[in-house]
Amino acid sequence: MLPSDLLACLRYAVAKPSSGIGNGVFFLVAIPVAFFAVICFGIWRAARRHEYVQSLPPGLRRVEELTDIERAIEAAAKSLAQSERRLDSWFMSSEERARLRTDVDLLRDTIRTLEQERAKRMG
């Protein structure tokens, strides 16, 4: 499906229907296609980034890898802080609290692993 087809489906879903077909029918087509298009774009972009980093000379490759590790540490730290804030909430079920504790533990392990990778690449 082309992007113009996707845009047409979205336009007909939001605009007044011109026929007896309900607006929701167009959403059934547009939303899954848009979801998979975003996922494919993300995979394509990550593959291009990996290809670019691998094509660099070793010194620049190390710098780019360290930059990527720093970004990952920052994102994980932000997510950890958000999860810890949510964990302090009073209005939460015990199941949700247990899931958040698991998420916090996983994020701490991820940060620890990323910091080890950073130290290995710097040293």
PDB file of N, CA and C in Angstrom:
ATOM      1  N   MET A   1       0.850  -1.165   0.000  1.00  0.00           N
ATOM      2  CA  MET A   1       0.000   0.000   0.000  1.00  0.00           C
ATOM      3  C   MET A   1       0.899   1.232   0.000  1.00  0.00           C
ATOM      4  N   LEU A   2       0.595   2.145  -0.857  1.00  0.00           N
ATOM      5  CA  LEU A   2       1.372   3.370  -0.990  1.00  0.00           C
ATOM      6  C   LEU A   2       0.990   4.378   0.084  1.00  0.00           C
ATOM      7  N   PRO A   3       1.912   5.306   0.413  1.00  0.00           N
ATOM      8  CA  PRO A   3       1.563   6.335   1.403  1.00  0.00           C
ATOM      9  C   PRO A   3       0.349   7.160   0.994  1.00  0.00           C
ATOM     10  N   SER A   4       0.170   7.380  -0.304  1.00  0.00           N
ATOM     11  CA  SER A   4      -0.997   8.148  -0.746  1.00  0.00           C
ATOM     12  C   SER A   4      -2.288   7.379  -0.458  1.00  0.00           C
ATOM     13  N   ASP A   5      -2.249   6.045  -0.571  1.00  0.00           N
ATOM     14  CA  ASP A   5      -3.420   5.236  -0.239  1.00  0.00           C
ATOM     15  C   ASP A   5      -3.724   5.317   1.253  1.00  0.00           C
ATOM     16  N   LEU A   6      -2.677   5.288   2.054  1.00  0.00           N
ATOM     17  CA  LEU A   6      -2.843   5.387   3.495  1.00  0.00           C
ATOM     18  C   LEU A   6      -3.457   6.735   3.873  1.00  0.00           C
ATOM     19  N   LEU A   7      -2.952   7.796   3.271  1.00  0.00           N
ATOM     20  CA  LEU A   7      -3.505   9.124   3.542  1.00  0.00           C
ATOM     21  C   LEU A   7      -4.961   9.223   3.088  1.00  0.00           C
ATOM     22  N   ALA A   8      -5.280   8.602   1.963  1.00  0.00           N
ATOM     23  CA  ALA A   8      -6.663   8.614   1.485  1.00  0.00           C
ATOM     24  C   ALA A   8      -7.578   7.877   2.465  1.00  0.00           C
ATOM     25  N   CYS A   9      -7.115   6.750   2.993  1.00  0.00           N
ATOM     26  CA  CYS A   9      -7.919   6.008   3.974  1.00  0.00           C
ATOM     27  C   CYS A   9      -8.151   6.842   5.226  1.00  0.00           C
ATOM     28  N   LEU A  10      -7.107   7.514   5.695  1.00  0.00           N
ATOM     29  CA  LEU A  10      -7.261   8.347   6.877  1.00  0.00           C
ATOM     30  C   LEU A  10      -8.201   9.526   6.612  1.00  0.00           C
ATOM     31  N   ARG A  11      -8.071  10.131   5.428  1.00  0.00           N
ATOM     32  CA  ARG A  11      -8.948  11.260   5.103  1.00  0.00           C
ATOM     33  C   ARG A  11     -10.410  10.816   5.047  1.00  0.00           C
ATOM     34  N   TYR A  12     -10.690   9.672   4.405  1.00  0.00           N
ATOM     35  CA  TYR A  12     -12.064   9.195   4.325  1.00  0.00           C
ATOM     36  C   TYR A  12     -12.590   8.723   5.675  1.00  0.00           C
ATOM     37  N   ALA A  13     -11.700   8.263   6.551  1.00  0.00           N
ATOM     38  CA  ALA A  13     -12.133   7.820   7.876  1.00  0.00           C
ATOM     39  C   ALA A  13     -12.534   8.995   8.746  1.00  0.00           C
ATOM     40  N   VAL A  14     -11.875  10.142   8.585  1.00  0.00           N
ATOM     41  CA  VAL A  14     -12.157  11.302   9.411  1.00  0.00           C
ATOM     42  C   VAL A  14     -13.226  12.186   8.779  1.00  0.00           C
ATOM     43  N   ALA A  15     -13.237  12.288   7.466  1.00  0.00           N
ATOM     44  CA  ALA A  15     -14.209  13.148   6.772  1.00  0.00           C
ATOM     45  C   ALA A  15     -15.582  12.485   6.761  1.00  0.00           C
ATOM     46  N   LYS A  16     -16.562  13.213   6.218  1.00  0.00           N
ATOM     47  CA  LYS A  16     -17.905  12.655   6.103  1.00  0.00           C
ATOM     48  C   LYS A  16     -17.873  11.474   5.133  1.00  0.00           C
ATOM     49  N   PRO A  17     -18.549  10.418   5.476  1.00  0.00           N
ATOM     50  CA  PRO A  17     -18.568   9.281   4.551  1.00  0.00           C
ATOM     51  C   PRO A  17     -19.350   9.633   3.287  1.00  0.00           C
ATOM     52  N   SER A  18     -18.806   9.214   2.158  1.00  0.00           N
ATOM     53  CA  SER A  18     -19.467   9.515   0.896  1.00  0.00           C
ATOM     54  C   SER A  18     -20.372   8.378   0.451  1.00  0.00           C
ATOM     55  N   SER A  19     -20.308   7.268   1.146  1.00  0.00           N
ATOM     56  CA  SER A  19     -21.156   6.130   0.775  1.00  0.00           C
ATOM     57  C   SER A  19     -21.724   5.518   2.054  1.00  0.00           C
ATOM     58  N   GLY A  20     -22.270   4.349   1.946  1.00  0.00           N
ATOM     59  CA  GLY A  20     -22.866   3.684   3.095  1.00  0.00           C
ATOM     60  C   GLY A  20     -21.839   3.033   4.011  1.00  0.00           C
ATOM     61  N   ILE A  21     -20.595   3.036   3.625  1.00  0.00           N
ATOM     62  CA  ILE A  21     -19.562   2.389   4.438  1.00  0.00           C
ATOM     63  C   ILE A  21     -19.234   3.308   5.615  1.00  0.00           C
ATOM     64  N   GLY A  22     -19.139   2.738   6.791  1.00  0.00           N
ATOM     65  CA  GLY A  22     -18.828   3.522   7.972  1.00  0.00           C
ATOM     66  C   GLY A  22     -17.364   3.956   7.997  1.00  0.00           C
ATOM     67  N   ASN A  23     -17.108   4.992   8.755  1.00  0.00           N
ATOM     68  CA  ASN A  23     -15.746   5.528   8.838  1.00  0.00           C
ATOM     69  C   ASN A  23     -14.769   4.535   9.459  1.00  0.00           C
ATOM     70  N   GLY A  24     -15.232   3.700  10.340  1.00  0.00           N
ATOM     71  CA  GLY A  24     -14.352   2.751  11.013  1.00  0.00           C
ATOM     72  C   GLY A  24     -13.700   1.750  10.077  1.00  0.00           C
ATOM     73  N   VAL A  25     -14.325   1.488   8.946  1.00  0.00           N
ATOM     74  CA  VAL A  25     -13.774   0.535   7.984  1.00  0.00           C
ATOM     75  C   VAL A  25     -12.425   1.018   7.470  1.00  0.00           C
ATOM     76  N   PHE A  26     -12.304   2.309   7.247  1.00  0.00           N
ATOM     77  CA  PHE A  26     -11.043   2.826   6.744  1.00  0.00           C
ATOM     78  C   PHE A  26      -9.955   2.783   7.820  1.00  0.00           C
ATOM     79  N   PHE A  27     -10.354   2.943   9.079  1.00  0.00           N
ATOM     80  CA  PHE A  27      -9.373   2.812  10.158  1.00  0.00           C
ATOM     81  C   PHE A  27      -8.851   1.388  10.257  1.00  0.00           C
ATOM     82  N   LEU A  28      -9.704   0.407   9.949  1.00  0.00           N
ATOM     83  CA  LEU A  28      -9.266  -0.984   9.970  1.00  0.00           C
ATOM     84  C   LEU A  28      -8.134  -1.221   8.974  1.00  0.00           C
ATOM     85  N   VAL A  29      -8.118  -0.468   7.910  1.00  0.00           N
ATOM     86  CA  VAL A  29      -7.065  -0.592   6.906  1.00  0.00           C
ATOM     87  C   VAL A  29      -5.871   0.297   7.252  1.00  0.00           C
ATOM     88  N   ALA A  30      -6.124   1.522   7.652  1.00  0.00           N
ATOM     89  CA  ALA A  30      -5.054   2.509   7.811  1.00  0.00           C
ATOM     90  C   ALA A  30      -4.190   2.267   9.042  1.00  0.00           C
ATOM     91  N   ILE A  31      -4.769   1.918  10.164  1.00  0.00           N
ATOM     92  CA  ILE A  31      -3.998   1.806  11.400  1.00  0.00           C
ATOM     93  C   ILE A  31      -2.993   0.653  11.364  1.00  0.00           C
ATOM     94  N   PRO A  32      -3.362  -0.568  10.988  1.00  0.00           N
ATOM     95  CA  PRO A  32      -2.354  -1.629  10.946  1.00  0.00           C
ATOM     96  C   PRO A  32      -1.233  -1.351   9.926  1.00  0.00           C
ATOM     97  N   VAL A  33      -1.594  -0.778   8.792  1.00  0.00           N
ATOM     98  CA  VAL A  33      -0.579  -0.463   7.783  1.00  0.00           C
ATOM     99  C   VAL A  33       0.377   0.599   8.315  1.00  0.00           C
ATOM    100  N   ALA A  34      -0.142   1.608   8.975  1.00  0.00           N
ATOM    101  CA  ALA A  34       0.712   2.654   9.543  1.00  0.00           C
ATOM    102  C   ALA A  34       1.604   2.082  10.640  1.00  0.00           C
ATOM    103  N   PHE A  35       1.076   1.212  11.469  1.00  0.00           N
ATOM    104  CA  PHE A  35       1.859   0.588  12.535  1.00  0.00           C
ATOM    105  C   PHE A  35       3.038  -0.191  11.958  1.00  0.00           C
ATOM    106  N   PHE A  36       2.779  -1.029  10.965  1.00  0.00           N
ATOM    107  CA  PHE A  36       3.863  -1.809  10.369  1.00  0.00           C
ATOM    108  C   PHE A  36       4.832  -0.931   9.587  1.00  0.00           C
ATOM    109  N   ALA A  37       4.339   0.146   9.019  1.00  0.00           N
ATOM    110  CA  ALA A  37       5.231   1.069   8.309  1.00  0.00           C
ATOM    111  C   ALA A  37       6.191   1.739   9.281  1.00  0.00           C
ATOM    112  N   VAL A  38       5.714   2.118  10.452  1.00  0.00           N
ATOM    113  CA  VAL A  38       6.580   2.741  11.452  1.00  0.00           C
ATOM    114  C   VAL A  38       7.613   1.741  11.952  1.00  0.00           C
ATOM    115  N   ILE A  39       7.197   0.510  12.198  1.00  0.00           N
ATOM    116  CA  ILE A  39       8.143  -0.521  12.642  1.00  0.00           C
ATOM    117  C   ILE A  39       9.196  -0.774  11.574  1.00  0.00           C
ATOM    118  N   CYS A  40       8.778  -0.913  10.325  1.00  0.00           N
ATOM    119  CA  CYS A  40       9.735  -1.150   9.233  1.00  0.00           C
ATOM    120  C   CYS A  40      10.697   0.022   9.082  1.00  0.00           C
ATOM    121  N   PHE A  41      10.199   1.243   9.224  1.00  0.00           N
ATOM    122  CA  PHE A  41      11.061   2.412   9.130  1.00  0.00           C
ATOM    123  C   PHE A  41      12.098   2.400  10.246  1.00  0.00           C
ATOM    124  N   GLY A  42      11.695   2.056  11.452  1.00  0.00           N
ATOM    125  CA  GLY A  42      12.632   1.988  12.572  1.00  0.00           C
ATOM    126  C   GLY A  42      13.707   0.935  12.350  1.00  0.00           C
ATOM    127  N   ILE A  43      13.316  -0.221  11.851  1.00  0.00           N
ATOM    128  CA  ILE A  43      14.292  -1.285  11.565  1.00  0.00           C
ATOM    129  C   ILE A  43      15.237  -0.847  10.461  1.00  0.00           C
ATOM    130  N   TRP A  44      14.700  -0.238   9.416  1.00  0.00           N
ATOM    131  CA  TRP A  44      15.540   0.227   8.314  1.00  0.00           C
ATOM    132  C   TRP A  44      16.542   1.268   8.800  1.00  0.00           C
ATOM    133  N   ARG A  45      16.069   2.203   9.617  1.00  0.00           N
ATOM    134  CA  ARG A  45      16.955   3.262  10.122  1.00  0.00           C
ATOM    135  C   ARG A  45      18.051   2.683  11.020  1.00  0.00           C
ATOM    136  N   ALA A  46      17.705   1.736  11.867  1.00  0.00           N
ATOM    137  CA  ALA A  46      18.706   1.098  12.731  1.00  0.00           C
ATOM    138  C   ALA A  46      19.732   0.335  11.903  1.00  0.00           C
ATOM    139  N   ALA A  47      19.275  -0.327  10.860  1.00  0.00           N
ATOM    140  CA  ALA A  47      20.207  -1.061   9.997  1.00  0.00           C
ATOM    141  C   ALA A  47      21.148  -0.106   9.276  1.00  0.00           C
ATOM    142  N   ARG A  48      20.618   1.018   8.815  1.00  0.00           N
ATOM    143  CA  ARG A  48      21.472   2.017   8.158  1.00  0.00           C
ATOM    144  C   ARG A  48      22.494   2.592   9.134  1.00  0.00           C
ATOM    145  N   ARG A  49      22.085   2.845  10.364  1.00  0.00           N
ATOM    146  CA  ARG A  49      23.002   3.375  11.384  1.00  0.00           C
ATOM    147  C   ARG A  49      24.105   2.359  11.671  1.00  0.00           C
ATOM    148  N   HIS A  50      23.734   1.088  11.801  1.00  0.00           N
ATOM    149  CA  HIS A  50      24.725   0.050  12.059  1.00  0.00           C
ATOM    150  C   HIS A  50      25.717  -0.055  10.896  1.00  0.00           C
ATOM    151  N   GLU A  51      25.193  -0.002   9.679  1.00  0.00           N
ATOM    152  CA  GLU A  51      26.058  -0.063   8.494  1.00  0.00           C
ATOM    153  C   GLU A  51      27.019   1.123   8.470  1.00  0.00           C
ATOM    154  N   TYR A  52      26.531   2.301   8.817  1.00  0.00           N
ATOM    155  CA  TYR A  52      27.370   3.492   8.848  1.00  0.00           C
ATOM    156  C   TYR A  52      28.477   3.353   9.887  1.00  0.00           C
ATOM    157  N   VAL A  53      28.119   2.908  11.081  1.00  0.00           N
ATOM    158  CA  VAL A  53      29.114   2.772  12.151  1.00  0.00           C
ATOM    159  C   VAL A  53      30.161   1.726  11.770  1.00  0.00           C
ATOM    160  N   GLN A  54      29.739   0.638  11.157  1.00  0.00           N
ATOM    161  CA  GLN A  54      30.691  -0.413  10.775  1.00  0.00           C
ATOM    162  C   GLN A  54      31.625   0.028   9.656  1.00  0.00           C
ATOM    163  N   SER A  55      31.211   1.007   8.862  1.00  0.00           N
ATOM    164  CA  SER A  55      32.056   1.463   7.759  1.00  0.00           C
ATOM    165  C   SER A  55      33.106   2.478   8.210  1.00  0.00           C
ATOM    166  N   LEU A  56      33.033   2.953   9.438  1.00  0.00           N
ATOM    167  CA  LEU A  56      33.984   3.945   9.935  1.00  0.00           C
ATOM    168  C   LEU A  56      35.325   3.306  10.284  1.00  0.00           C
ATOM    169  N   PRO A  57      36.398   4.104  10.261  1.00  0.00           N
ATOM    170  CA  PRO A  57      37.686   3.596  10.746  1.00  0.00           C
ATOM    171  C   PRO A  57      37.573   3.267  12.240  1.00  0.00           C
ATOM    172  N   PRO A  58      38.449   2.403  12.757  1.00  0.00           N
ATOM    173  CA  PRO A  58      38.327   1.938  14.148  1.00  0.00           C
ATOM    174  C   PRO A  58      38.241   3.053  15.191  1.00  0.00           C
ATOM    175  N   GLY A  59      39.005   4.119  15.051  1.00  0.00           N
ATOM    176  CA  GLY A  59      38.966   5.201  16.028  1.00  0.00           C
ATOM    177  C   GLY A  59      37.613   5.897  16.066  1.00  0.00           C
ATOM    178  N   LEU A  60      37.094   6.231  14.895  1.00  0.00           N
ATOM    179  CA  LEU A  60      35.779   6.886  14.835  1.00  0.00           C
ATOM    180  C   LEU A  60      34.654   5.931  15.226  1.00  0.00           C
ATOM    181  N   ARG A  61      34.820   4.655  14.890  1.00  0.00           N
ATOM    182  CA  ARG A  61      33.813   3.663  15.255  1.00  0.00           C
ATOM    183  C   ARG A  61      33.676   3.592  16.777  1.00  0.00           C
ATOM    184  N   ARG A  62      34.823   3.626  17.461  1.00  0.00           N
ATOM    185  CA  ARG A  62      34.811   3.581  18.923  1.00  0.00           C
ATOM    186  C   ARG A  62      34.076   4.792  19.497  1.00  0.00           C
ATOM    187  N   VAL A  63      34.311   5.962  18.917  1.00  0.00           N
ATOM    188  CA  VAL A  63      33.633   7.181  19.377  1.00  0.00           C
ATOM    189  C   VAL A  63      32.127   7.064  19.166  1.00  0.00           C
ATOM    190  N   GLU A  64      31.708   6.592  18.000  1.00  0.00           N
ATOM    191  CA  GLU A  64      30.277   6.447  17.716  1.00  0.00           C
ATOM    192  C   GLU A  64      29.633   5.411  18.637  1.00  0.00           C
ATOM    193  N   GLU A  65      30.336   4.308  18.892  1.00  0.00           N
ATOM    194  CA  GLU A  65      29.792   3.293  19.788  1.00  0.00           C
ATOM    195  C   GLU A  65      29.649   3.845  21.204  1.00  0.00           C
ATOM    196  N   LEU A  66      30.622   4.619  21.646  1.00  0.00           N
ATOM    197  CA  LEU A  66      30.520   5.233  22.972  1.00  0.00           C
ATOM    198  C   LEU A  66      29.356   6.224  23.035  1.00  0.00           C
ATOM    199  N   THR A  67      29.152   6.962  21.960  1.00  0.00           N
ATOM    200  CA  THR A  67      28.026   7.887  21.903  1.00  0.00           C
ATOM    201  C   THR A  67      26.701   7.130  21.999  1.00  0.00           C
ATOM    202  N   ASP A  68      26.594   6.032  21.269  1.00  0.00           N
ATOM    203  CA  ASP A  68      25.372   5.222  21.327  1.00  0.00           C
ATOM    204  C   ASP A  68      25.152   4.652  22.724  1.00  0.00           C
ATOM    205  N   ILE A  69      26.226   4.211  23.375  1.00  0.00           N
ATOM    206  CA  ILE A  69      26.106   3.671  24.734  1.00  0.00           C
ATOM    207  C   ILE A  69      25.658   4.759  25.695  1.00  0.00           C
ATOM    208  N   GLU A  70      26.216   5.961  25.542  1.00  0.00           N
ATOM    209  CA  GLU A  70      25.810   7.080  26.409  1.00  0.00           C
ATOM    210  C   GLU A  70      24.327   7.397  26.240  1.00  0.00           C
ATOM    211  N   ARG A  71      23.859   7.407  24.999  1.00  0.00           N
ATOM    212  CA  ARG A  71      22.431   7.664  24.747  1.00  0.00           C
ATOM    213  C   ARG A  71      21.558   6.589  25.384  1.00  0.00           C
ATOM    214  N   ALA A  72      21.997   5.335  25.276  1.00  0.00           N
ATOM    215  CA  ALA A  72      21.231   4.233  25.862  1.00  0.00           C
ATOM    216  C   ALA A  72      21.198   4.340  27.385  1.00  0.00           C
ATOM    217  N   ILE A  73      22.324   4.734  27.995  1.00  0.00           N
ATOM    218  CA  ILE A  73      22.359   4.898  29.450  1.00  0.00           C
ATOM    219  C   ILE A  73      21.413   6.015  29.874  1.00  0.00           C
ATOM    220  N   GLU A  74      21.425   7.124  29.146  1.00  0.00           N
ATOM    221  CA  GLU A  74      20.529   8.244  29.471  1.00  0.00           C
ATOM    222  C   GLU A  74      19.067   7.833  29.360  1.00  0.00           C
ATOM    223  N   ALA A  75      18.717   7.117  28.297  1.00  0.00           N
ATOM    224  CA  ALA A  75      17.330   6.685  28.106  1.00  0.00           C
ATOM    225  C   ALA A  75      16.915   5.701  29.199  1.00  0.00           C
ATOM    226  N   ALA A  76      17.800   4.774  29.553  1.00  0.00           N
ATOM    227  CA  ALA A  76      17.477   3.808  30.600  1.00  0.00           C
ATOM    228  C   ALA A  76      17.354   4.496  31.956  1.00  0.00           C
ATOM    229  N   ALA A  77      18.209   5.472  32.227  1.00  0.00           N
ATOM    230  CA  ALA A  77      18.134   6.198  33.497  1.00  0.00           C
ATOM    231  C   ALA A  77      16.834   6.988  33.592  1.00  0.00           C
ATOM    232  N   LYS A  78      16.413   7.587  32.484  1.00  0.00           N
ATOM    233  CA  LYS A  78      15.151   8.335  32.472  1.00  0.00           C
ATOM    234  C   LYS A  78      13.972   7.395  32.703  1.00  0.00           C
ATOM    235  N   SER A  79      13.995   6.244  32.052  1.00  0.00           N
ATOM    236  CA  SER A  79      12.939   5.264  32.226  1.00  0.00           C
ATOM    237  C   SER A  79      12.929   4.709  33.650  1.00  0.00           C
ATOM    238  N   LEU A  80      14.114   4.504  34.218  1.00  0.00           N
ATOM    239  CA  LEU A  80      14.221   4.022  35.599  1.00  0.00           C
ATOM    240  C   LEU A  80      13.619   5.035  36.571  1.00  0.00           C
ATOM    241  N   ALA A  81      13.939   6.300  36.389  1.00  0.00           N
ATOM    242  CA  ALA A  81      13.400   7.338  37.269  1.00  0.00           C
ATOM    243  C   ALA A  81      11.878   7.399  37.168  1.00  0.00           C
ATOM    244  N   GLN A  82      11.365   7.279  35.956  1.00  0.00           N
ATOM    245  CA  GLN A  82       9.919   7.314  35.759  1.00  0.00           C
ATOM    246  C   GLN A  82       9.252   6.106  36.430  1.00  0.00           C
ATOM    247  N   SER A  83       9.851   4.936  36.288  1.00  0.00           N
ATOM    248  CA  SER A  83       9.282   3.739  36.903  1.00  0.00           C
ATOM    249  C   SER A  83       9.337   3.816  38.428  1.00  0.00           C
ATOM    250  N   GLU A  84      10.422   4.365  38.960  1.00  0.00           N
ATOM    251  CA  GLU A  84      10.522   4.500  40.412  1.00  0.00           C
ATOM    252  C   GLU A  84       9.499   5.495  40.949  1.00  0.00           C
ATOM    253  N   ARG A  85       9.235   6.575  40.196  1.00  0.00           N
ATOM    254  CA  ARG A  85       8.195   7.520  40.613  1.00  0.00           C
ATOM    255  C   ARG A  85       6.820   6.855  40.611  1.00  0.00           C
ATOM    256  N   ARG A  86       6.554   6.069  39.581  1.00  0.00           N
ATOM    257  CA  ARG A  86       5.265   5.385  39.505  1.00  0.00           C
ATOM    258  C   ARG A  86       5.130   4.343  40.601  1.00  0.00           C
ATOM    259  N   LEU A  87       6.254   3.758  41.016  1.00  0.00           N
ATOM    260  CA  LEU A  87       6.243   2.743  42.061  1.00  0.00           C
ATOM    261  C   LEU A  87       5.831   3.331  43.412  1.00  0.00           C
ATOM    262  N   ASP A  88       6.072   4.622  43.616  1.00  0.00           N
ATOM    263  CA  ASP A  88       5.715   5.287  44.868  1.00  0.00           C
ATOM    264  C   ASP A  88       4.237   5.670  44.942  1.00  0.00           C
ATOM    265  N   SER A  89       3.487   5.431  43.903  1.00  0.00           N
ATOM    266  CA  SER A  89       2.075   5.797  43.863  1.00  0.00           C
ATOM    267  C   SER A  89       1.257   4.946  44.837  1.00  0.00           C
ATOM    268  N   TRP A  90       0.257   5.567  45.432  1.00  0.00           N
ATOM    269  CA  TRP A  90      -0.614   4.860  46.369  1.00  0.00           C
ATOM    270  C   TRP A  90      -1.708   4.079  45.644  1.00  0.00           C
ATOM    271  N   PHE A  91      -2.125   4.566  44.510  1.00  0.00           N
ATOM    272  CA  PHE A  91      -3.265   3.981  43.793  1.00  0.00           C
ATOM    273  C   PHE A  91      -2.794   2.994  42.749  1.00  0.00           C
ATOM    274  N   MET A  92      -2.252   1.868  43.217  1.00  0.00           N
ATOM    275  CA  MET A  92      -1.719   0.878  42.285  1.00  0.00           C
ATOM    276  C   MET A  92      -2.001  -0.517  42.839  1.00  0.00           C
ATOM    277  N   SER A  93      -2.373  -1.409  41.946  1.00  0.00           N
ATOM    278  CA  SER A  93      -2.649  -2.777  42.382  1.00  0.00           C
ATOM    279  C   SER A  93      -1.331  -3.484  42.702  1.00  0.00           C
ATOM    280  N   SER A  94      -1.439  -4.566  43.441  1.00  0.00           N
ATOM    281  CA  SER A  94      -0.231  -5.313  43.814  1.00  0.00           C
ATOM    282  C   SER A  94       0.415  -5.952  42.583  1.00  0.00           C
ATOM    283  N   GLU A  95      -0.401  -6.349  41.608  1.00  0.00           N
ATOM    284  CA  GLU A  95       0.149  -6.918  40.376  1.00  0.00           C
ATOM    285  C   GLU A  95       0.958  -5.881  39.608  1.00  0.00           C
ATOM    286  N   GLU A  96       0.413  -4.679  39.512  1.00  0.00           N
ATOM    287  CA  GLU A  96       1.114  -3.593  38.813  1.00  0.00           C
ATOM    288  C   GLU A  96       2.396  -3.217  39.561  1.00  0.00           C
ATOM    289  N   ARG A  97       2.332  -3.202  40.885  1.00  0.00           N
ATOM    290  CA  ARG A  97       3.513  -2.881  41.684  1.00  0.00           C
ATOM    291  C   ARG A  97       4.605  -3.946  41.490  1.00  0.00           C
ATOM    292  N   ALA A  98       4.211  -5.216  41.431  1.00  0.00           N
ATOM    293  CA  ALA A  98       5.181  -6.298  41.207  1.00  0.00           C
ATOM    294  C   ALA A  98       5.804  -6.182  39.814  1.00  0.00           C
ATOM    295  N   ARG A  99       4.987  -5.849  38.823  1.00  0.00           N
ATOM    296  CA  ARG A  99       5.514  -5.682  37.460  1.00  0.00           C
ATOM    297  C   ARG A  99       6.494  -4.523  37.407  1.00  0.00           C
ATOM    298  N   LEU A 100       6.164  -3.421  38.084  1.00  0.00           N
ATOM    299  CA  LEU A 100       7.059  -2.269  38.102  1.00  0.00           C
ATOM    300  C   LEU A 100       8.366  -2.586  38.828  1.00  0.00           C
ATOM    301  N   ARG A 101       8.294  -3.365  39.906  1.00  0.00           N
ATOM    302  CA  ARG A 101       9.531  -3.767  40.596  1.00  0.00           C
ATOM    303  C   ARG A 101      10.429  -4.588  39.672  1.00  0.00           C
ATOM    304  N   THR A 102       9.809  -5.478  38.902  1.00  0.00           N
ATOM    305  CA  THR A 102      10.568  -6.265  37.936  1.00  0.00           C
ATOM    306  C   THR A 102      11.194  -5.360  36.883  1.00  0.00           C
ATOM    307  N   ASP A 103      10.424  -4.387  36.392  1.00  0.00           N
ATOM    308  CA  ASP A 103      10.945  -3.433  35.408  1.00  0.00           C
ATOM    309  C   ASP A 103      12.106  -2.632  35.972  1.00  0.00           C
ATOM    310  N   VAL A 104      11.987  -2.200  37.231  1.00  0.00           N
ATOM    311  CA  VAL A 104      13.055  -1.421  37.858  1.00  0.00           C
ATOM    312  C   VAL A 104      14.320  -2.268  37.977  1.00  0.00           C
ATOM    313  N   ASP A 105      14.163  -3.524  38.380  1.00  0.00           N
ATOM    314  CA  ASP A 105      15.329  -4.413  38.482  1.00  0.00           C
ATOM    315  C   ASP A 105      15.991  -4.631  37.121  1.00  0.00           C
ATOM    316  N   LEU A 106      15.170  -4.842  36.092  1.00  0.00           N
ATOM    317  CA  LEU A 106      15.710  -5.039  34.746  1.00  0.00           C
ATOM    318  C   LEU A 106      16.426  -3.783  34.245  1.00  0.00           C
ATOM    319  N   LEU A 107      15.856  -2.625  34.511  1.00  0.00           N
ATOM    320  CA  LEU A 107      16.493  -1.375  34.089  1.00  0.00           C
ATOM    321  C   LEU A 107      17.818  -1.152  34.814  1.00  0.00           C
ATOM    322  N   ARG A 108      17.869  -1.476  36.100  1.00  0.00           N
ATOM    323  CA  ARG A 108      19.136  -1.354  36.831  1.00  0.00           C
ATOM    324  C   ARG A 108      20.192  -2.290  36.263  1.00  0.00           C
ATOM    325  N   ASP A 109      19.788  -3.531  35.935  1.00  0.00           N
ATOM    326  CA  ASP A 109      20.730  -4.474  35.323  1.00  0.00           C
ATOM    327  C   ASP A 109      21.198  -3.976  33.957  1.00  0.00           C
ATOM    328  N   THR A 110      20.280  -3.410  33.195  1.00  0.00           N
ATOM    329  CA  THR A 110      20.627  -2.880  31.879  1.00  0.00           C
ATOM    330  C   THR A 110      21.620  -1.737  32.000  1.00  0.00           C
ATOM    331  N   ILE A 111      21.382  -0.833  32.935  1.00  0.00           N
ATOM    332  CA  ILE A 111      22.306   0.289  33.133  1.00  0.00           C
ATOM    333  C   ILE A 111      23.673  -0.221  33.564  1.00  0.00           C
ATOM    334  N   ARG A 112      23.689  -1.194  34.468  1.00  0.00           N
ATOM    335  CA  ARG A 112      24.961  -1.767  34.916  1.00  0.00           C
ATOM    336  C   ARG A 112      25.719  -2.406  33.735  1.00  0.00           C
ATOM    337  N   THR A 113      25.020  -3.140  32.894  1.00  0.00           N
ATOM    338  CA  THR A 113      25.650  -3.770  31.730  1.00  0.00           C
ATOM    339  C   THR A 113      26.174  -2.727  30.755  1.00  0.00           C
ATOM    340  N   LEU A 114      25.393  -1.680  30.509  1.00  0.00           N
ATOM    341  CA  LEU A 114      25.833  -0.616  29.610  1.00  0.00           C
ATOM    342  C   LEU A 114      27.053   0.118  30.161  1.00  0.00           C
ATOM    343  N   GLU A 115      27.080   0.338  31.462  1.00  0.00           N
ATOM    344  CA  GLU A 115      28.248   0.983  32.053  1.00  0.00           C
ATOM    345  C   GLU A 115      29.484   0.101  31.956  1.00  0.00           C
ATOM    346  N   GLN A 116      29.311  -1.213  32.065  1.00  0.00           N
ATOM    347  CA  GLN A 116      30.438  -2.134  31.882  1.00  0.00           C
ATOM    348  C   GLN A 116      30.942  -2.088  30.439  1.00  0.00           C
ATOM    349  N   GLU A 117      30.021  -2.039  29.498  1.00  0.00           N
ATOM    350  CA  GLU A 117      30.415  -1.938  28.085  1.00  0.00           C
ATOM    351  C   GLU A 117      31.155  -0.638  27.819  1.00  0.00           C
ATOM    352  N   ARG A 118      30.661   0.443  28.403  1.00  0.00           N
ATOM    353  CA  ARG A 118      31.321   1.739  28.235  1.00  0.00           C
ATOM    354  C   ARG A 118      32.738   1.702  28.811  1.00  0.00           C
ATOM    355  N   ALA A 119      32.894   1.119  29.997  1.00  0.00           N
ATOM    356  CA  ALA A 119      34.210   1.026  30.608  1.00  0.00           C
ATOM    357  C   ALA A 119      35.149   0.137  29.778  1.00  0.00           C
ATOM    358  N   LYS A 120      34.604  -0.932  29.213  1.00  0.00           N
ATOM    359  CA  LYS A 120      35.417  -1.825  28.384  1.00  0.00           C
ATOM    360  C   LYS A 120      35.889  -1.111  27.123  1.00  0.00           C
ATOM    361  N   ARG A 121      35.025  -0.308  26.519  1.00  0.00           N
ATOM    362  CA  ARG A 121      35.387   0.393  25.281  1.00  0.00           C
ATOM    363  C   ARG A 121      36.305   1.579  25.543  1.00  0.00           C
ATOM    364  N   MET A 122      36.194   2.181  26.713  1.00  0.00           N
ATOM    365  CA  MET A 122      37.045   3.328  27.024  1.00  0.00           C
ATOM    366  C   MET A 122      38.440   2.883  27.438  1.00  0.00           C
ATOM    367  N   GLY A 123      38.539   1.712  28.016  1.00  0.00           N
ATOM    368  CA  GLY A 123      39.827   1.256  28.539  1.00  0.00           C
ATOM    369  C   GLY A 123      40.641   0.426  27.618  1.00  0.00           C
TER     370      GLY A 123
END
